[in-house]
Amino acid sequence: MWRKHKKGKINMKKLLVLLTALMLLLMTASVMAETTITVNGTGEVRISADTAVISLGVNARDKDVLKAQQMVNESIAAIRTALIDRNVKEENINTEYINIYAIYDYQNGEEMLTAYNASSTLAIRVTDMESVGALIDASFEAGANTLNGITFSASDTEEAETEALKMAVKAARAKAEVLAEASGLKITGTKTISEGGVFNYENSVGNIHAKQLDYAEAAADAGTVVQAAKMIVNATVSITFTAE
């Protein structure tokens, strides 16, 4: 009786091993038989900018470095006053950079100091898009003589980012269905999905075109015309679909 029980126990172990091996073979065959299609999708949403940062300032030259700097300081102070008078908060007017350098002339092989160039630039944050052009004009009336540019941004992009991601997923699905149909397959499910990233940037090409149109229409007006930017919110995803 004892020997029969032991033999039966051994047979049971062999049976379990065989069943385990069979399950592994079936799983391997299933994985090998699975067909997948991997595609990328992109979604893009455009929203209006609600914040602008104007970069402008003053550049002055004089043989006396202190006088050159004084000229710049006086103009910068006047610009600040002009902006504050037009309801720009003082904390939104910040120094971007200050620079002083010597200018030399070379005559008969000798280096001669001719003047000093002093400059200072302000970064002016504005949330009233309609006032950007007028603020630039006011700054130049107060003494500014350099305009480095304007950067636009949107303060709230969360909703646009969500919409862009949804569009990216739909675009990926549409691509996968085209590929599946062309291959005689049908999408059966989603295996993996990963976000490629969500980015916000200014649609500078469109803005330039819009500005040119506005300036042409306002040719008789000497005031600065600024067209607020459209911000582009872009999202990408990579999705692997199963098909059969």
Protein backbone atom coordinates (compact mmCIF):
# COMPACT_ATOMS: atom_id res chain seq x y z
CA MET A 1 0.00 0.00 0.00
CA TRP A 2 2.80 2.39 0.83
CA ARG A 3 4.55 1.80 -2.49
CA LYS A 4 1.37 2.37 -4.49
CA HIS A 5 0.74 5.66 -2.70
CA LYS A 6 4.26 6.85 -3.43
CA LYS A 7 3.95 5.91 -7.08
CA GLY A 8 0.65 7.73 -7.35
CA LYS A 9 2.24 10.81 -5.80
CA ILE A 10 5.05 10.72 -8.37
CA ASN A 11 2.56 10.40 -11.22
CA MET A 12 0.66 13.41 -9.87
CA LYS A 13 3.84 15.50 -9.93
CA LYS A 14 4.51 14.48 -13.52
CA LEU A 15 0.97 15.41 -14.45
CA LEU A 16 1.35 18.88 -12.88
CA VAL A 17 4.61 19.42 -14.73
CA LEU A 18 3.01 18.41 -18.02
CA LEU A 19 0.02 20.68 -17.42
CA THR A 20 2.28 23.61 -16.57
CA ALA A 21 4.35 23.02 -19.70
CA LEU A 22 1.19 22.82 -21.80
CA MET A 23 -0.10 26.10 -20.37
CA LEU A 24 3.20 27.81 -21.12
CA LEU A 25 3.10 26.53 -24.69
CA LEU A 26 -0.46 27.78 -25.14
CA MET A 27 0.43 31.21 -23.70
CA THR A 28 3.49 31.45 -25.94
CA ALA A 29 1.46 30.50 -28.97
CA SER A 30 -1.17 33.07 -28.06
CA VAL A 31 1.42 35.83 -27.71
CA MET A 32 3.11 34.84 -30.96
CA ALA A 33 -0.23 34.84 -32.75
CA GLU A 34 -1.15 38.34 -31.47
CA THR A 35 -0.98 41.03 -34.12
CA THR A 36 -0.27 44.62 -33.07
CA ILE A 37 -0.24 47.98 -34.83
CA THR A 38 1.74 50.86 -33.30
CA VAL A 39 0.99 54.43 -34.41
CA ASN A 40 1.59 58.01 -33.26
CA GLY A 41 -1.14 60.61 -32.99
CA THR A 42 -1.01 64.41 -32.75
CA GLY A 43 -3.59 66.87 -31.51
CA GLU A 44 -3.46 70.66 -31.79
CA VAL A 45 -5.60 73.34 -30.16
CA ARG A 46 -5.27 77.10 -30.57
CA ILE A 47 -6.16 79.55 -27.83
CA SER A 48 -5.85 83.31 -27.48
CA ALA A 49 -2.89 84.73 -25.57
CA ASP A 50 -3.83 86.72 -22.49
CA THR A 51 -0.38 87.91 -21.40
CA ALA A 52 2.33 89.84 -23.24
CA VAL A 53 5.85 90.72 -22.14
CA ILE A 54 7.29 93.75 -23.94
CA SER A 55 11.07 94.02 -24.08
CA LEU A 56 12.21 97.61 -24.72
CA GLY A 57 14.77 100.03 -23.40
CA VAL A 58 17.27 102.82 -23.86
CA ASN A 59 20.66 102.98 -25.56
CA ALA A 60 22.98 106.01 -25.10
CA ARG A 61 26.60 106.96 -25.92
CA ASP A 62 28.96 109.52 -24.45
CA LYS A 63 32.69 109.96 -23.94
CA ASP A 64 32.01 110.09 -20.20
CA VAL A 65 30.83 106.66 -19.00
CA LEU A 66 28.95 108.15 -16.03
CA LYS A 67 27.12 110.59 -18.27
CA ALA A 68 26.14 107.81 -20.68
CA GLN A 69 24.76 105.80 -17.77
CA GLN A 70 22.98 108.85 -16.35
CA MET A 71 21.25 109.46 -19.68
CA VAL A 72 20.00 105.89 -19.68
CA ASN A 73 18.87 106.03 -16.05
CA GLU A 74 16.89 109.23 -16.60
CA SER A 75 15.09 107.78 -19.62
CA ILE A 76 14.33 104.51 -17.86
CA ALA A 77 12.85 106.44 -14.91
CA ALA A 78 10.69 108.46 -17.32
CA ILE A 79 9.51 105.27 -19.03
CA ARG A 80 8.56 103.73 -15.70
CA THR A 81 6.55 106.81 -14.78
CA ALA A 82 4.78 106.86 -18.15
CA LEU A 83 3.82 103.19 -17.82
CA ILE A 84 2.58 103.54 -14.24
CA ASP A 85 0.50 106.54 -15.32
CA ARG A 86 -1.14 104.16 -17.82
CA ASN A 87 -2.13 101.70 -15.09
CA VAL A 88 0.78 99.26 -15.43
CA LYS A 89 1.60 97.95 -11.96
CA GLU A 90 5.10 98.72 -10.75
CA GLU A 91 5.82 95.04 -10.03
CA ASN A 92 5.15 94.31 -13.71
CA ILE A 93 8.00 96.60 -14.83
CA ASN A 94 11.31 94.82 -14.30
CA THR A 95 14.90 95.34 -15.41
CA GLU A 96 15.78 92.73 -18.02
CA TYR A 97 19.45 93.60 -18.40
CA ILE A 98 21.98 96.42 -18.13
CA ASN A 99 25.08 96.73 -20.27
CA ILE A 100 28.02 99.16 -20.62
CA TYR A 101 30.90 98.76 -23.02
CA ALA A 102 33.71 100.88 -24.44
CA ILE A 103 33.91 101.85 -28.10
CA TYR A 104 37.36 102.04 -29.66
CA ASP A 105 38.69 103.49 -32.89
CA TYR A 106 41.90 102.35 -34.53
CA GLN A 107 44.09 104.97 -36.23
CA ASN A 108 47.64 104.46 -37.39
CA GLY A 109 47.78 101.17 -35.57
CA GLU A 110 46.80 102.75 -32.25
CA GLU A 111 43.71 101.95 -30.21
CA MET A 112 41.79 105.02 -29.09
CA LEU A 113 38.79 105.14 -26.77
CA THR A 114 36.08 107.19 -28.45
CA ALA A 115 32.98 106.67 -26.29
CA TYR A 116 31.04 104.46 -23.93
CA ASN A 117 27.78 102.76 -24.84
CA ALA A 118 25.28 102.25 -22.03
CA SER A 119 21.98 100.44 -22.32
CA SER A 120 19.18 99.16 -20.14
CA THR A 121 16.19 97.03 -21.05
CA LEU A 122 12.85 96.64 -19.29
CA ALA A 123 10.53 93.63 -19.34
CA ILE A 124 6.95 94.91 -19.09
CA ARG A 125 4.23 92.37 -18.32
CA VAL A 126 0.81 93.29 -19.72
CA THR A 127 -2.51 91.45 -19.40
CA ASP A 128 -4.62 93.93 -21.35
CA MET A 129 -3.91 92.87 -24.93
CA GLU A 130 -5.59 95.96 -26.35
CA SER A 131 -3.12 98.29 -24.60
CA VAL A 132 0.17 96.73 -25.81
CA GLY A 133 0.62 99.06 -28.78
CA ALA A 134 -0.28 102.17 -26.77
CA LEU A 135 2.19 101.22 -24.02
CA ILE A 136 4.98 100.85 -26.57
CA ASP A 137 4.16 104.30 -27.96
CA ALA A 138 4.11 105.81 -24.46
CA SER A 139 7.50 104.25 -23.70
CA PHE A 140 9.08 105.72 -26.82
CA GLU A 141 7.56 109.11 -26.11
CA ALA A 142 9.19 108.93 -22.68
CA GLY A 143 12.65 108.16 -24.09
CA ALA A 144 12.86 104.51 -25.16
CA ASN A 145 14.80 103.94 -28.38
CA THR A 146 15.07 100.15 -28.61
CA LEU A 147 12.35 97.53 -28.99
CA ASN A 148 13.58 93.94 -28.76
CA GLY A 149 10.23 92.23 -29.22
CA ILE A 150 7.08 90.93 -27.59
CA THR A 151 6.45 87.44 -26.25
CA PHE A 152 2.94 86.13 -25.74
CA SER A 153 1.60 83.43 -23.44
CA ALA A 154 -1.65 82.04 -22.05
CA SER A 155 -2.14 81.77 -18.30
CA ASP A 156 -4.56 78.81 -18.37
CA THR A 157 -3.90 75.99 -20.83
CA GLU A 158 -5.20 72.99 -18.86
CA GLU A 159 -8.48 72.65 -20.77
CA ALA A 160 -6.70 73.05 -24.12
CA GLU A 161 -4.10 70.44 -23.15
CA THR A 162 -6.84 67.93 -22.28
CA GLU A 163 -8.58 68.57 -25.60
CA ALA A 164 -5.29 68.23 -27.51
CA LEU A 165 -4.62 64.85 -25.86
CA LYS A 166 -8.11 63.62 -26.79
CA MET A 167 -7.55 64.72 -30.37
CA ALA A 168 -4.18 62.94 -30.44
CA VAL A 169 -5.76 59.66 -29.28
CA LYS A 170 -8.50 59.95 -31.91
CA ALA A 171 -5.91 60.67 -34.60
CA ALA A 172 -3.88 57.61 -33.56
CA ARG A 173 -6.99 55.42 -33.65
CA ALA A 174 -7.90 56.68 -37.13
CA LYS A 175 -4.39 55.87 -38.40
CA ALA A 176 -4.50 52.39 -36.90
CA GLU A 177 -7.88 51.66 -38.50
CA VAL A 178 -6.58 52.72 -41.91
CA LEU A 179 -3.55 50.46 -41.55
CA ALA A 180 -5.65 47.58 -40.27
CA GLU A 181 -8.18 47.86 -43.11
CA ALA A 182 -5.40 48.01 -45.69
CA SER A 183 -3.93 44.83 -44.19
CA GLY A 184 -7.23 42.96 -44.00
CA LEU A 185 -7.36 43.22 -40.22
CA LYS A 186 -9.67 44.69 -37.62
CA ILE A 187 -8.71 46.62 -34.47
CA THR A 188 -9.71 44.61 -31.39
CA GLY A 189 -8.30 46.62 -28.51
CA THR A 190 -5.56 48.81 -27.05
CA LYS A 191 -2.43 47.17 -25.68
CA THR A 192 -0.27 50.13 -24.63
CA ILE A 193 -0.53 53.91 -24.73
CA SER A 194 2.08 56.53 -23.82
CA GLU A 195 2.10 60.31 -23.86
CA GLY A 196 4.77 61.86 -26.05
CA GLY A 197 4.42 65.29 -24.46
CA VAL A 198 2.26 68.40 -24.37
CA PHE A 199 3.81 71.68 -25.53
CA ASN A 200 2.65 75.29 -25.70
CA TYR A 201 4.18 77.76 -28.12
CA GLU A 202 3.39 80.98 -29.91
CA ASN A 203 2.09 80.90 -33.46
CA SER A 204 4.62 83.51 -34.60
CA VAL A 205 4.11 82.98 -38.35
CA GLY A 206 0.41 83.76 -38.15
CA ASN A 207 1.06 86.80 -35.97
CA ILE A 208 3.50 88.33 -38.43
CA HIS A 209 0.96 88.00 -41.22
CA ALA A 210 -1.79 89.51 -39.07
CA LYS A 211 0.44 92.39 -38.02
CA GLN A 212 1.29 93.18 -41.62
CA LEU A 213 -2.38 93.33 -42.49
CA ASP A 214 -3.14 95.56 -39.51
CA TYR A 215 -0.29 97.93 -40.29
CA ALA A 216 -1.44 98.20 -43.90
CA GLU A 217 -4.95 99.06 -42.76
CA ALA A 218 -3.65 101.58 -40.21
CA ALA A 219 -1.11 103.24 -42.48
CA ALA A 220 -2.54 106.66 -41.71
CA ASP A 221 -2.15 106.07 -37.98
CA ALA A 222 1.32 106.57 -36.52
CA GLY A 223 0.49 104.46 -33.46
CA THR A 224 1.93 100.99 -32.97
CA VAL A 225 -0.49 98.19 -33.86
CA VAL A 226 0.01 94.81 -32.16
CA GLN A 227 -1.97 91.69 -32.99
CA ALA A 228 -2.16 89.39 -29.97
CA ALA A 229 -0.84 85.91 -30.65
CA LYS A 230 -2.70 82.66 -30.91
CA MET A 231 -1.03 80.06 -28.72
CA ILE A 232 -0.69 76.52 -30.05
CA VAL A 233 -1.16 73.66 -27.59
CA ASN A 234 0.25 70.49 -29.12
CA ALA A 235 0.02 66.93 -27.75
CA THR A 236 1.40 63.62 -29.06
CA VAL A 237 0.70 60.02 -28.08
CA SER A 238 2.00 56.61 -29.11
CA ILE A 239 -0.51 53.75 -29.04
CA THR A 240 -0.16 50.04 -29.74
CA PHE A 241 -3.44 48.44 -30.84
CA THR A 242 -4.22 44.75 -31.08
CA ALA A 243 -5.74 43.45 -34.29
CA GLU A 244 -6.92 40.22 -35.83
